[in-house]
Amino acid sequence: MACYLTMSQLSFKFPEKERSFLKWYSEKTSEPLGTIYRKVTLEHFIHWKKTVLIEAYLNGSIGIKQFANLGGMTFNECFLLLKQNNIDPPYNELLDIHSAQVMEEQLIQPKKNLK
């Protein structure tokens, strides 16, 4: 049998097993059922939001500034999140070409100076 838990304007349908766990945890922590569920739901939503933002960032559909704004994070938090997930920032092909040219110039110049 399913039970309903109402929070503000939202209603959630719970199986009885989940309801009994929430009731037990609520009694243990002295927190209302709605508060416990809302907190856990918010944590999962934030995790899901970060996953979606990382995918969009890697696809190139958003930049780091929009990533930070949508995620409600600072730039440092964004880069830390990317580092924790072993993600290198996407590089533009033009940047790679420019980097290769600069590296070639720097390698060639010392040889010219030695002559």
N, C-alpha and C. Protein backbone atom coordinates (compact mmCIF):
# COMPACT_ATOMS: atom_id res chain seq x y z
N MET A 1 0.84 -1.17 0.00
CA MET A 1 0.00 0.00 0.00
C MET A 1 0.89 1.24 0.00
N ALA A 2 0.58 2.20 -0.87
CA ALA A 2 1.37 3.41 -0.99
C ALA A 2 0.81 4.51 -0.11
N CYS A 3 1.70 5.35 0.38
CA CYS A 3 1.31 6.48 1.21
C CYS A 3 1.75 7.76 0.52
N TYR A 4 1.08 8.84 0.84
CA TYR A 4 1.43 10.13 0.28
C TYR A 4 2.09 10.99 1.33
N LEU A 5 3.12 11.69 0.93
CA LEU A 5 3.81 12.63 1.79
C LEU A 5 3.73 13.97 1.09
N THR A 6 3.13 14.96 1.71
CA THR A 6 2.93 16.25 1.08
C THR A 6 3.95 17.25 1.61
N MET A 7 4.61 17.92 0.68
CA MET A 7 5.54 18.99 1.03
C MET A 7 5.15 20.21 0.21
N SER A 8 4.76 21.26 0.86
CA SER A 8 4.33 22.49 0.21
C SER A 8 3.27 22.15 -0.83
N GLN A 9 3.62 22.31 -2.10
CA GLN A 9 2.64 22.06 -3.16
C GLN A 9 2.91 20.75 -3.89
N LEU A 10 3.85 19.97 -3.42
CA LEU A 10 4.20 18.71 -4.08
C LEU A 10 3.73 17.53 -3.25
N SER A 11 3.26 16.51 -3.93
CA SER A 11 2.89 15.26 -3.25
C SER A 11 3.76 14.14 -3.80
N PHE A 12 4.22 13.28 -2.92
CA PHE A 12 5.04 12.15 -3.31
C PHE A 12 4.36 10.87 -2.87
N LYS A 13 4.35 9.90 -3.75
CA LYS A 13 3.76 8.61 -3.44
C LYS A 13 4.88 7.67 -3.03
N PHE A 14 4.80 7.12 -1.81
CA PHE A 14 5.83 6.24 -1.28
C PHE A 14 5.29 4.84 -1.10
N PRO A 15 6.11 3.84 -1.44
CA PRO A 15 5.76 2.49 -1.02
C PRO A 15 5.85 2.40 0.51
N GLU A 16 5.16 1.48 1.08
CA GLU A 16 5.09 1.38 2.55
C GLU A 16 6.47 1.13 3.17
N LYS A 17 7.33 0.36 2.50
CA LYS A 17 8.67 0.10 3.04
C LYS A 17 9.47 1.39 3.20
N GLU A 18 9.40 2.25 2.18
CA GLU A 18 10.12 3.51 2.24
C GLU A 18 9.53 4.42 3.31
N ARG A 19 8.24 4.40 3.42
CA ARG A 19 7.56 5.22 4.43
C ARG A 19 7.98 4.78 5.84
N SER A 20 8.05 3.48 6.07
CA SER A 20 8.44 3.01 7.40
C SER A 20 9.89 3.38 7.72
N PHE A 21 10.77 3.32 6.71
CA PHE A 21 12.16 3.74 6.94
C PHE A 21 12.22 5.23 7.27
N LEU A 22 11.50 6.04 6.48
CA LEU A 22 11.50 7.48 6.75
C LEU A 22 10.96 7.78 8.15
N LYS A 23 9.93 7.06 8.54
CA LYS A 23 9.36 7.28 9.87
C LYS A 23 10.37 6.90 10.96
N TRP A 24 11.05 5.77 10.78
CA TRP A 24 12.07 5.35 11.75
C TRP A 24 13.19 6.38 11.84
N TYR A 25 13.70 6.83 10.67
CA TYR A 25 14.79 7.80 10.65
C TYR A 25 14.35 9.14 11.23
N SER A 26 13.11 9.50 10.97
CA SER A 26 12.56 10.74 11.52
C SER A 26 12.53 10.70 13.04
N GLU A 27 12.11 9.58 13.58
CA GLU A 27 12.08 9.44 15.04
C GLU A 27 13.49 9.44 15.62
N LYS A 28 14.42 8.83 14.90
CA LYS A 28 15.80 8.75 15.37
C LYS A 28 16.47 10.12 15.40
N THR A 29 16.23 10.93 14.37
CA THR A 29 16.90 12.23 14.25
C THR A 29 16.05 13.40 14.72
N SER A 30 14.80 13.16 15.03
CA SER A 30 13.86 14.22 15.44
C SER A 30 13.65 15.26 14.35
N GLU A 31 13.75 14.84 13.10
CA GLU A 31 13.47 15.72 11.97
C GLU A 31 12.15 15.30 11.35
N PRO A 32 11.38 16.26 10.84
CA PRO A 32 10.13 15.91 10.16
C PRO A 32 10.40 15.10 8.88
N LEU A 33 9.43 14.27 8.50
CA LEU A 33 9.57 13.44 7.30
C LEU A 33 9.87 14.28 6.06
N GLY A 34 9.13 15.36 5.91
CA GLY A 34 9.31 16.21 4.74
C GLY A 34 10.70 16.81 4.65
N THR A 35 11.25 17.20 5.78
CA THR A 35 12.59 17.79 5.81
C THR A 35 13.64 16.77 5.39
N ILE A 36 13.53 15.56 5.89
CA ILE A 36 14.49 14.51 5.53
C ILE A 36 14.43 14.24 4.03
N TYR A 37 13.23 14.05 3.52
CA TYR A 37 13.09 13.73 2.10
C TYR A 37 13.56 14.89 1.23
N ARG A 38 13.22 16.11 1.62
CA ARG A 38 13.61 17.29 0.84
C ARG A 38 15.13 17.42 0.81
N LYS A 39 15.79 17.19 1.94
CA LYS A 39 17.25 17.30 2.01
C LYS A 39 17.92 16.25 1.11
N VAL A 40 17.45 15.02 1.19
CA VAL A 40 18.02 13.94 0.37
C VAL A 40 17.74 14.19 -1.11
N THR A 41 16.53 14.63 -1.42
CA THR A 41 16.17 14.91 -2.80
C THR A 41 17.03 16.04 -3.35
N LEU A 42 17.25 17.08 -2.55
CA LEU A 42 18.08 18.19 -2.99
C LEU A 42 19.51 17.75 -3.25
N GLU A 43 20.06 16.90 -2.39
CA GLU A 43 21.43 16.40 -2.60
C GLU A 43 21.53 15.62 -3.91
N HIS A 44 20.54 14.79 -4.20
CA HIS A 44 20.56 14.02 -5.45
C HIS A 44 20.35 14.93 -6.65
N PHE A 45 19.51 15.95 -6.50
CA PHE A 45 19.30 16.90 -7.59
C PHE A 45 20.60 17.64 -7.90
N ILE A 46 21.31 18.08 -6.87
CA ILE A 46 22.57 18.80 -7.08
C ILE A 46 23.59 17.90 -7.78
N HIS A 47 23.66 16.64 -7.37
CA HIS A 47 24.58 15.70 -8.04
C HIS A 47 24.19 15.52 -9.50
N TRP A 48 22.90 15.36 -9.77
CA TRP A 48 22.41 15.20 -11.14
C TRP A 48 22.72 16.46 -11.96
N LYS A 49 22.49 17.64 -11.36
CA LYS A 49 22.75 18.91 -12.06
C LYS A 49 24.22 19.01 -12.45
N LYS A 50 25.11 18.65 -11.53
CA LYS A 50 26.54 18.72 -11.83
C LYS A 50 26.91 17.75 -12.95
N THR A 51 26.31 16.57 -12.96
CA THR A 51 26.57 15.59 -14.02
C THR A 51 26.13 16.14 -15.37
N VAL A 52 24.95 16.73 -15.43
CA VAL A 52 24.44 17.30 -16.68
C VAL A 52 25.34 18.46 -17.14
N LEU A 53 25.75 19.31 -16.21
CA LEU A 53 26.61 20.44 -16.57
C LEU A 53 27.98 19.98 -17.07
N ILE A 54 28.53 18.94 -16.46
CA ILE A 54 29.82 18.41 -16.92
C ILE A 54 29.69 17.88 -18.34
N GLU A 55 28.62 17.15 -18.62
CA GLU A 55 28.40 16.62 -19.97
C GLU A 55 28.26 17.75 -20.97
N ALA A 56 27.51 18.79 -20.62
CA ALA A 56 27.33 19.93 -21.52
C ALA A 56 28.65 20.66 -21.74
N TYR A 57 29.44 20.78 -20.70
CA TYR A 57 30.75 21.43 -20.80
C TYR A 57 31.69 20.64 -21.71
N LEU A 58 31.68 19.32 -21.54
CA LEU A 58 32.54 18.49 -22.38
C LEU A 58 32.10 18.47 -23.83
N ASN A 59 30.78 18.60 -24.07
CA ASN A 59 30.27 18.66 -25.44
C ASN A 59 30.56 20.00 -26.09
N GLY A 60 30.92 20.98 -25.27
CA GLY A 60 31.20 22.31 -25.80
C GLY A 60 29.97 23.17 -25.95
N SER A 61 28.82 22.74 -25.44
CA SER A 61 27.61 23.54 -25.57
C SER A 61 27.55 24.67 -24.54
N ILE A 62 28.33 24.58 -23.47
CA ILE A 62 28.45 25.68 -22.52
C ILE A 62 29.93 25.88 -22.19
N GLY A 63 30.26 27.10 -21.82
CA GLY A 63 31.63 27.40 -21.42
C GLY A 63 31.75 27.34 -19.90
N ILE A 64 32.95 27.64 -19.43
CA ILE A 64 33.20 27.55 -17.99
C ILE A 64 32.41 28.60 -17.22
N LYS A 65 32.20 29.78 -17.82
CA LYS A 65 31.44 30.83 -17.13
C LYS A 65 29.99 30.41 -16.94
N GLN A 66 29.37 29.89 -18.00
CA GLN A 66 27.99 29.42 -17.89
C GLN A 66 27.90 28.20 -16.98
N PHE A 67 28.91 27.35 -17.02
CA PHE A 67 28.98 26.19 -16.12
C PHE A 67 28.92 26.66 -14.67
N ALA A 68 29.72 27.69 -14.36
CA ALA A 68 29.75 28.21 -13.00
C ALA A 68 28.43 28.87 -12.61
N ASN A 69 27.87 29.66 -13.52
CA ASN A 69 26.61 30.35 -13.22
C ASN A 69 25.46 29.37 -13.02
N LEU A 70 25.32 28.41 -13.91
CA LEU A 70 24.22 27.44 -13.79
C LEU A 70 24.41 26.52 -12.60
N GLY A 71 25.66 26.24 -12.27
CA GLY A 71 25.95 25.35 -11.15
C GLY A 71 25.94 26.04 -9.81
N GLY A 72 25.89 27.39 -9.83
CA GLY A 72 25.94 28.13 -8.57
C GLY A 72 27.28 27.96 -7.88
N MET A 73 28.36 27.90 -8.67
CA MET A 73 29.69 27.67 -8.13
C MET A 73 30.63 28.79 -8.57
N THR A 74 31.76 28.89 -7.88
CA THR A 74 32.82 29.80 -8.32
C THR A 74 33.65 29.07 -9.37
N PHE A 75 34.52 29.83 -10.05
CA PHE A 75 35.40 29.20 -11.03
C PHE A 75 36.29 28.15 -10.38
N ASN A 76 36.80 28.47 -9.20
CA ASN A 76 37.65 27.50 -8.50
C ASN A 76 36.90 26.22 -8.19
N GLU A 77 35.65 26.33 -7.75
CA GLU A 77 34.84 25.14 -7.46
C GLU A 77 34.60 24.34 -8.73
N CYS A 78 34.38 25.04 -9.85
CA CYS A 78 34.17 24.34 -11.13
C CYS A 78 35.41 23.55 -11.53
N PHE A 79 36.57 24.20 -11.46
CA PHE A 79 37.80 23.51 -11.84
C PHE A 79 38.13 22.38 -10.88
N LEU A 80 37.82 22.57 -9.60
CA LEU A 80 38.04 21.50 -8.63
C LEU A 80 37.13 20.30 -8.93
N LEU A 81 35.87 20.57 -9.28
CA LEU A 81 34.94 19.50 -9.65
C LEU A 81 35.44 18.75 -10.88
N LEU A 82 35.92 19.49 -11.87
CA LEU A 82 36.46 18.85 -13.07
C LEU A 82 37.69 18.01 -12.73
N LYS A 83 38.54 18.55 -11.86
CA LYS A 83 39.75 17.82 -11.48
C LYS A 83 39.40 16.55 -10.71
N GLN A 84 38.40 16.62 -9.82
CA GLN A 84 37.99 15.45 -9.05
C GLN A 84 37.46 14.35 -9.95
N ASN A 85 36.86 14.74 -11.08
CA ASN A 85 36.32 13.76 -12.02
C ASN A 85 37.31 13.42 -13.13
N ASN A 86 38.59 13.82 -12.94
CA ASN A 86 39.65 13.55 -13.92
C ASN A 86 39.28 14.02 -15.32
N ILE A 87 38.79 15.25 -15.41
CA ILE A 87 38.36 15.82 -16.68
C ILE A 87 39.27 16.99 -17.01
N ASP A 88 39.91 16.92 -18.18
CA ASP A 88 40.69 18.05 -18.66
C ASP A 88 39.76 18.97 -19.42
N PRO A 89 39.99 20.28 -19.35
CA PRO A 89 39.13 21.18 -20.10
C PRO A 89 39.27 20.93 -21.60
N PRO A 90 38.19 21.05 -22.36
CA PRO A 90 38.28 20.83 -23.80
C PRO A 90 39.12 21.94 -24.44
N TYR A 91 39.99 21.56 -25.33
CA TYR A 91 40.85 22.53 -25.99
C TYR A 91 40.39 22.72 -27.43
N ASN A 92 40.49 23.94 -27.87
CA ASN A 92 40.14 24.28 -29.23
C ASN A 92 41.27 23.81 -30.16
N GLU A 93 40.92 23.41 -31.36
CA GLU A 93 41.92 22.94 -32.32
C GLU A 93 42.88 24.06 -32.69
N LEU A 94 42.38 25.30 -32.78
CA LEU A 94 43.25 26.43 -33.09
C LEU A 94 44.30 26.64 -32.01
N LEU A 95 43.91 26.41 -30.77
CA LEU A 95 44.86 26.54 -29.66
C LEU A 95 45.96 25.49 -29.79
N ASP A 96 45.59 24.28 -30.19
CA ASP A 96 46.59 23.23 -30.39
C ASP A 96 47.56 23.59 -31.51
N ILE A 97 47.03 24.14 -32.60
CA ILE A 97 47.88 24.54 -33.73
C ILE A 97 48.82 25.66 -33.30
N HIS A 98 48.28 26.65 -32.59
CA HIS A 98 49.11 27.77 -32.11
C HIS A 98 50.19 27.27 -31.15
N SER A 99 49.81 26.38 -30.25
CA SER A 99 50.78 25.84 -29.29
C SER A 99 51.90 25.10 -30.01
N ALA A 100 51.55 24.34 -31.04
CA ALA A 100 52.56 23.61 -31.81
C ALA A 100 53.50 24.57 -32.52
N GLN A 101 52.95 25.67 -33.07
CA GLN A 101 53.79 26.66 -33.75
C GLN A 101 54.74 27.34 -32.78
N VAL A 102 54.24 27.71 -31.62
CA VAL A 102 55.08 28.36 -30.61
C VAL A 102 56.18 27.42 -30.16
N MET A 103 55.85 26.16 -29.96
CA MET A 103 56.84 25.19 -29.52
C MET A 103 57.92 25.00 -30.59
N GLU A 104 57.52 24.95 -31.85
CA GLU A 104 58.50 24.81 -32.94
C GLU A 104 59.42 26.02 -32.98
N GLU A 105 58.84 27.21 -32.83
CA GLU A 105 59.65 28.43 -32.86
C GLU A 105 60.65 28.44 -31.71
N GLN A 106 60.22 28.03 -30.55
CA GLN A 106 61.11 28.03 -29.39
C GLN A 106 62.21 26.99 -29.52
N LEU A 107 61.91 25.88 -30.17
CA LEU A 107 62.92 24.85 -30.37
C LEU A 107 63.92 25.24 -31.46
N ILE A 108 63.45 25.95 -32.46
CA ILE A 108 64.32 26.35 -33.57
C ILE A 108 65.20 27.53 -33.19
N GLN A 109 64.68 28.50 -32.44
CA GLN A 109 65.44 29.71 -32.10
C GLN A 109 66.75 29.43 -31.37
N PRO A 110 66.80 28.57 -30.37
CA PRO A 110 68.08 28.33 -29.71
C PRO A 110 69.14 27.80 -30.67
N LYS A 111 68.75 27.01 -31.65
CA LYS A 111 69.72 26.49 -32.62
C LYS A 111 70.27 27.63 -33.47
N LYS A 112 69.43 28.59 -33.84
CA LYS A 112 69.89 29.73 -34.64
C LYS A 112 70.84 30.59 -33.82
N ASN A 113 70.55 30.76 -32.55
CA ASN A 113 71.38 31.60 -31.69
C ASN A 113 72.75 30.98 -31.44
N LEU A 114 72.85 29.67 -31.51
CA LEU A 114 74.12 29.01 -31.27
C LEU A 114 75.09 29.17 -32.43
N LYS A 115 74.61 29.40 -33.63
CA LYS A 115 75.49 29.50 -34.82
C LYS A 115 76.23 30.77 -34.88
